[in-house]
């Protein structure tokens, strides 16, 4: 069974940009990196959370992304929009550099934080 066939979810990926407003203050904005990206998001088990959270990442979910070449621009600190839910990207892994799929470690944000 392929990762693509298991891609039950569709998300948008956004990257953070900073600009300077007229008063000279930095303003943070989010811009679309990928829209309607197929993936699968699953909650982490307690064991998985223990492994990732030992480095204070507070990871909560794993997102599996097919075709890494198509989505190679996904990076840490981007965010994932899935319906009304928002996730921070903690880590992006191309397992064994096999280019089969990406595993993206996520932290679900509550109220945008």
N, C-alpha and C. Protein backbone atom coordinates (compact mmCIF):
# COMPACT_ATOMS: atom_id res chain seq x y z
N UNK A 1 0.84 -1.16 0.00
CA UNK A 1 0.00 0.00 0.00
C UNK A 1 0.89 1.24 0.00
N UNK A 2 0.57 2.20 -0.84
CA UNK A 2 1.41 3.39 -0.96
C UNK A 2 0.97 4.49 0.00
N UNK A 3 1.89 5.39 0.29
CA UNK A 3 1.57 6.54 1.13
C UNK A 3 0.49 7.38 0.47
N UNK A 4 0.56 7.52 -0.85
CA UNK A 4 -0.45 8.31 -1.55
C UNK A 4 -1.85 7.74 -1.35
N UNK A 5 -1.98 6.42 -1.38
CA UNK A 5 -3.31 5.82 -1.20
C UNK A 5 -3.83 6.01 0.22
N UNK A 6 -2.93 6.27 1.16
CA UNK A 6 -3.33 6.50 2.55
C UNK A 6 -3.50 7.99 2.87
N UNK A 7 -3.33 8.84 1.87
CA UNK A 7 -3.42 10.28 2.08
C UNK A 7 -4.89 10.69 2.11
N UNK A 8 -5.45 10.66 3.29
CA UNK A 8 -6.88 10.93 3.47
C UNK A 8 -7.18 12.40 3.73
N UNK A 9 -6.16 13.18 4.02
CA UNK A 9 -6.36 14.57 4.41
C UNK A 9 -5.82 15.52 3.34
N UNK A 10 -6.32 16.73 3.36
CA UNK A 10 -5.81 17.80 2.50
C UNK A 10 -5.53 19.00 3.39
N UNK A 11 -4.33 19.55 3.28
CA UNK A 11 -3.93 20.67 4.14
C UNK A 11 -3.33 21.79 3.30
N UNK A 12 -3.16 22.93 3.94
CA UNK A 12 -2.42 24.04 3.37
C UNK A 12 -1.18 24.26 4.23
N UNK A 13 -0.07 24.51 3.58
CA UNK A 13 1.19 24.81 4.28
C UNK A 13 1.48 26.29 4.09
N UNK A 14 1.81 26.96 5.19
CA UNK A 14 2.14 28.38 5.12
C UNK A 14 3.52 28.62 5.70
N UNK A 15 4.21 29.62 5.13
CA UNK A 15 5.51 30.02 5.66
C UNK A 15 5.40 31.42 6.24
N UNK A 16 6.22 31.67 7.24
CA UNK A 16 6.19 32.94 7.94
C UNK A 16 7.13 33.94 7.25
N UNK A 17 6.63 35.14 7.06
CA UNK A 17 7.45 36.21 6.51
C UNK A 17 7.36 37.41 7.44
N UNK A 18 8.40 38.22 7.43
CA UNK A 18 8.38 39.44 8.22
C UNK A 18 8.64 40.63 7.32
N UNK A 19 7.84 41.65 7.51
CA UNK A 19 8.01 42.90 6.78
C UNK A 19 8.09 44.03 7.81
N UNK A 20 8.42 45.17 7.33
CA UNK A 20 8.48 46.35 8.19
C UNK A 20 7.34 47.27 7.81
N UNK A 21 6.57 47.69 8.81
CA UNK A 21 5.46 48.59 8.52
C UNK A 21 5.94 50.04 8.44
N UNK A 22 5.03 50.93 8.17
CA UNK A 22 5.38 52.35 7.99
C UNK A 22 6.03 52.95 9.23
N UNK A 23 5.72 52.41 10.40
CA UNK A 23 6.31 52.92 11.64
C UNK A 23 7.65 52.28 11.97
N UNK A 24 8.14 51.38 11.13
CA UNK A 24 9.43 50.73 11.36
C UNK A 24 9.36 49.48 12.21
N UNK A 25 8.16 49.04 12.55
CA UNK A 25 7.99 47.83 13.35
C UNK A 25 7.90 46.60 12.45
N UNK A 26 8.40 45.49 12.96
CA UNK A 26 8.29 44.23 12.22
C UNK A 26 6.86 43.70 12.32
N UNK A 27 6.35 43.24 11.21
CA UNK A 27 5.02 42.66 11.13
C UNK A 27 5.16 41.24 10.58
N UNK A 28 4.57 40.28 11.28
CA UNK A 28 4.62 38.89 10.84
C UNK A 28 3.39 38.57 10.01
N UNK A 29 3.61 37.91 8.89
CA UNK A 29 2.51 37.48 8.03
C UNK A 29 2.76 36.05 7.60
N UNK A 30 1.70 35.35 7.26
CA UNK A 30 1.80 33.97 6.78
C UNK A 30 1.40 33.95 5.31
N UNK A 31 2.23 33.32 4.48
CA UNK A 31 1.94 33.22 3.05
C UNK A 31 1.86 31.75 2.64
N UNK A 32 1.05 31.48 1.64
CA UNK A 32 0.84 30.10 1.19
C UNK A 32 2.11 29.55 0.54
N UNK A 33 2.51 28.38 0.99
CA UNK A 33 3.62 27.66 0.36
C UNK A 33 3.04 26.55 -0.53
N UNK A 34 2.09 25.78 0.01
CA UNK A 34 1.39 24.74 -0.74
C UNK A 34 -0.08 24.79 -0.34
N UNK A 35 -0.96 24.61 -1.30
CA UNK A 35 -2.39 24.55 -1.01
C UNK A 35 -2.93 23.20 -1.47
N UNK A 36 -3.93 22.73 -0.76
CA UNK A 36 -4.59 21.46 -1.08
C UNK A 36 -3.60 20.31 -1.23
N UNK A 37 -2.65 20.24 -0.30
CA UNK A 37 -1.62 19.20 -0.33
C UNK A 37 -2.18 17.91 0.27
N UNK A 38 -2.07 16.78 -0.44
CA UNK A 38 -2.53 15.51 0.12
C UNK A 38 -1.55 15.02 1.19
N UNK A 39 -2.09 14.44 2.25
CA UNK A 39 -1.25 13.92 3.33
C UNK A 39 -2.09 13.04 4.23
N UNK A 40 -1.46 12.56 5.27
CA UNK A 40 -2.17 11.84 6.34
C UNK A 40 -1.61 12.34 7.66
N UNK A 41 -2.49 12.78 8.53
CA UNK A 41 -2.09 13.26 9.85
C UNK A 41 -2.61 12.27 10.88
N UNK A 42 -1.69 11.80 11.74
CA UNK A 42 -2.09 10.87 12.80
C UNK A 42 -1.53 11.36 14.14
N UNK A 43 -2.29 11.15 15.21
CA UNK A 43 -1.77 11.51 16.53
C UNK A 43 -0.60 10.60 16.89
N UNK A 44 0.35 11.14 17.61
CA UNK A 44 1.48 10.34 18.08
C UNK A 44 1.03 9.48 19.25
N UNK A 45 1.63 8.29 19.33
CA UNK A 45 1.42 7.46 20.51
C UNK A 45 2.20 8.07 21.68
N UNK A 46 1.91 7.60 22.86
CA UNK A 46 2.63 8.08 24.04
C UNK A 46 4.13 7.83 23.93
N UNK A 47 4.52 6.67 23.39
CA UNK A 47 5.94 6.35 23.23
C UNK A 47 6.60 7.31 22.24
N UNK A 48 5.92 7.59 21.13
CA UNK A 48 6.47 8.52 20.15
C UNK A 48 6.61 9.92 20.75
N UNK A 49 5.62 10.36 21.49
CA UNK A 49 5.70 11.67 22.11
C UNK A 49 6.87 11.74 23.07
N UNK A 50 7.10 10.68 23.83
CA UNK A 50 8.22 10.65 24.78
C UNK A 50 9.55 10.80 24.05
N UNK A 51 9.69 10.15 22.90
CA UNK A 51 10.93 10.24 22.12
C UNK A 51 11.16 11.65 21.63
N UNK A 52 10.16 12.26 21.00
CA UNK A 52 10.33 13.59 20.42
C UNK A 52 10.32 14.69 21.46
N UNK A 53 9.58 14.51 22.54
CA UNK A 53 9.44 15.58 23.51
C UNK A 53 10.60 15.67 24.49
N UNK A 54 11.52 14.72 24.44
CA UNK A 54 12.68 14.82 25.33
C UNK A 54 13.54 16.03 24.97
N UNK A 55 13.39 16.53 23.75
CA UNK A 55 14.11 17.73 23.33
C UNK A 55 13.22 18.97 23.41
N UNK A 56 12.15 18.89 24.20
CA UNK A 56 11.22 20.00 24.42
C UNK A 56 10.50 20.46 23.15
N UNK A 57 10.22 19.54 22.24
CA UNK A 57 9.51 19.94 21.04
C UNK A 57 7.99 19.92 21.22
N UNK A 58 7.49 19.19 22.21
CA UNK A 58 6.06 19.08 22.47
C UNK A 58 5.30 18.60 21.24
N UNK A 59 5.84 17.63 20.54
CA UNK A 59 5.21 17.08 19.34
C UNK A 59 3.93 16.34 19.70
N UNK A 60 2.94 16.46 18.82
CA UNK A 60 1.65 15.82 19.08
C UNK A 60 1.17 14.92 17.94
N UNK A 61 1.62 15.19 16.70
CA UNK A 61 1.13 14.46 15.53
C UNK A 61 2.26 14.22 14.54
N UNK A 62 2.04 13.26 13.65
CA UNK A 62 2.95 13.02 12.52
C UNK A 62 2.13 13.18 11.25
N UNK A 63 2.70 13.89 10.28
CA UNK A 63 2.06 14.04 8.98
C UNK A 63 2.92 13.31 7.96
N UNK A 64 2.30 12.42 7.19
CA UNK A 64 2.98 11.68 6.14
C UNK A 64 2.64 12.34 4.81
N UNK A 65 3.67 12.69 4.04
CA UNK A 65 3.49 13.40 2.78
C UNK A 65 4.08 12.57 1.65
N UNK A 66 3.28 12.20 0.64
CA UNK A 66 3.82 11.48 -0.51
C UNK A 66 4.62 12.41 -1.39
N UNK A 67 5.37 11.86 -2.30
CA UNK A 67 6.15 12.60 -3.31
C UNK A 67 6.98 13.74 -2.73
N UNK A 68 8.05 13.41 -2.00
CA UNK A 68 8.88 14.44 -1.39
C UNK A 68 9.43 15.47 -2.37
N UNK A 69 9.70 15.06 -3.61
CA UNK A 69 10.25 16.02 -4.57
C UNK A 69 9.27 17.16 -4.83
N UNK A 70 7.98 16.84 -4.85
CA UNK A 70 6.96 17.85 -5.09
C UNK A 70 6.84 18.82 -3.93
N UNK A 71 7.06 18.34 -2.72
CA UNK A 71 6.87 19.15 -1.52
C UNK A 71 8.17 19.36 -0.75
N UNK A 72 9.27 19.45 -1.46
CA UNK A 72 10.58 19.58 -0.82
C UNK A 72 10.78 20.92 -0.12
N UNK A 73 9.90 21.88 -0.37
CA UNK A 73 10.03 23.20 0.24
C UNK A 73 9.50 23.28 1.66
N UNK A 74 8.90 22.21 2.16
CA UNK A 74 8.39 22.22 3.53
C UNK A 74 9.57 22.26 4.49
N UNK A 75 9.54 23.20 5.42
CA UNK A 75 10.65 23.36 6.37
C UNK A 75 10.11 23.55 7.78
N UNK A 76 11.00 23.36 8.76
CA UNK A 76 10.67 23.61 10.14
C UNK A 76 10.21 25.07 10.28
N UNK A 77 9.29 25.28 11.18
CA UNK A 77 8.69 26.58 11.50
C UNK A 77 7.62 27.02 10.51
N UNK A 78 7.38 26.25 9.44
CA UNK A 78 6.18 26.49 8.64
C UNK A 78 5.00 26.06 9.50
N UNK A 79 3.80 26.31 9.01
CA UNK A 79 2.63 25.82 9.73
C UNK A 79 1.68 25.11 8.78
N UNK A 80 0.88 24.23 9.37
CA UNK A 80 -0.08 23.41 8.63
C UNK A 80 -1.48 23.85 9.05
N UNK A 81 -2.31 24.14 8.07
CA UNK A 81 -3.72 24.45 8.33
C UNK A 81 -4.54 23.26 7.88
N UNK A 82 -5.26 22.67 8.82
CA UNK A 82 -6.10 21.51 8.54
C UNK A 82 -7.48 21.82 9.11
N UNK A 83 -8.37 22.24 8.25
CA UNK A 83 -9.68 22.70 8.72
C UNK A 83 -9.48 23.88 9.65
N UNK A 84 -10.04 23.80 10.84
CA UNK A 84 -9.88 24.88 11.82
C UNK A 84 -8.66 24.67 12.72
N UNK A 85 -7.94 23.60 12.49
CA UNK A 85 -6.78 23.27 13.33
C UNK A 85 -5.49 23.84 12.71
N UNK A 86 -4.57 24.23 13.60
CA UNK A 86 -3.28 24.78 13.17
C UNK A 86 -2.18 23.98 13.86
N UNK A 87 -1.16 23.59 13.07
CA UNK A 87 -0.01 22.83 13.58
C UNK A 87 1.27 23.56 13.23
N UNK A 88 2.22 23.55 14.15
CA UNK A 88 3.57 24.07 13.91
C UNK A 88 4.45 22.92 13.45
N UNK A 89 5.24 23.13 12.42
CA UNK A 89 6.15 22.07 11.95
C UNK A 89 7.43 22.11 12.77
N UNK A 90 7.68 21.02 13.49
CA UNK A 90 8.85 20.90 14.35
C UNK A 90 10.04 20.28 13.62
N UNK A 91 9.77 19.30 12.74
CA UNK A 91 10.84 18.56 12.10
C UNK A 91 10.33 17.96 10.79
N UNK A 92 11.16 17.97 9.76
CA UNK A 92 10.83 17.35 8.48
C UNK A 92 11.87 16.28 8.20
N UNK A 93 11.41 15.06 7.94
CA UNK A 93 12.34 13.94 7.74
C UNK A 93 12.04 13.23 6.43
N UNK A 94 13.08 13.04 5.61
CA UNK A 94 13.02 12.19 4.43
C UNK A 94 13.72 10.90 4.85
N UNK A 95 12.95 9.93 5.27
CA UNK A 95 13.48 8.73 5.91
C UNK A 95 14.51 8.04 5.02
N UNK A 96 15.70 7.85 5.56
CA UNK A 96 16.82 7.19 4.88
C UNK A 96 17.14 7.81 3.51
N UNK A 97 16.71 9.07 3.31
CA UNK A 97 16.95 9.75 2.03
C UNK A 97 16.46 8.90 0.85
N UNK A 98 15.36 8.16 1.07
CA UNK A 98 14.82 7.25 0.04
C UNK A 98 13.88 7.97 -0.92
N UNK A 99 13.46 9.20 -0.59
CA UNK A 99 12.53 9.97 -1.42
C UNK A 99 11.22 9.22 -1.67
N UNK A 100 10.83 8.42 -0.69
CA UNK A 100 9.56 7.70 -0.77
C UNK A 100 8.42 8.56 -0.23
N UNK A 101 8.65 9.18 0.93
CA UNK A 101 7.68 10.07 1.56
C UNK A 101 8.39 10.91 2.61
N UNK A 102 7.72 11.96 3.05
CA UNK A 102 8.23 12.78 4.14
C UNK A 102 7.45 12.45 5.41
N UNK A 103 8.14 12.44 6.52
CA UNK A 103 7.49 12.40 7.82
C UNK A 103 7.70 13.77 8.45
N UNK A 104 6.62 14.42 8.77
CA UNK A 104 6.67 15.77 9.31
C UNK A 104 6.13 15.73 10.73
N UNK A 105 6.97 16.12 11.68
CA UNK A 105 6.60 16.10 13.08
C UNK A 105 5.91 17.43 13.40
N UNK A 106 4.70 17.33 13.99
CA UNK A 106 3.88 18.52 14.22
C UNK A 106 3.58 18.72 15.71
N UNK A 107 3.33 19.98 16.04
CA UNK A 107 2.83 20.34 17.37
C UNK A 107 1.53 21.11 17.15
N UNK A 108 0.43 20.58 17.66
CA UNK A 108 -0.84 21.28 17.48
C UNK A 108 -0.88 22.52 18.35
N UNK A 109 -1.29 23.63 17.73
CA UNK A 109 -1.38 24.90 18.45
C UNK A 109 -2.81 25.10 18.92
N UNK A 110 -2.95 25.60 20.12
CA UNK A 110 -4.26 25.92 20.68
C UNK A 110 -4.41 27.44 20.65
N UNK A 111 -5.45 27.91 20.02
CA UNK A 111 -5.72 29.35 19.92
C UNK A 111 -4.56 30.09 19.26
N UNK A 112 -3.88 29.43 18.29
CA UNK A 112 -2.81 30.07 17.54
C UNK A 112 -1.46 30.11 18.22
N UNK A 113 -1.35 29.50 19.44
CA UNK A 113 -0.08 29.54 20.17
C UNK A 113 0.39 28.15 20.50
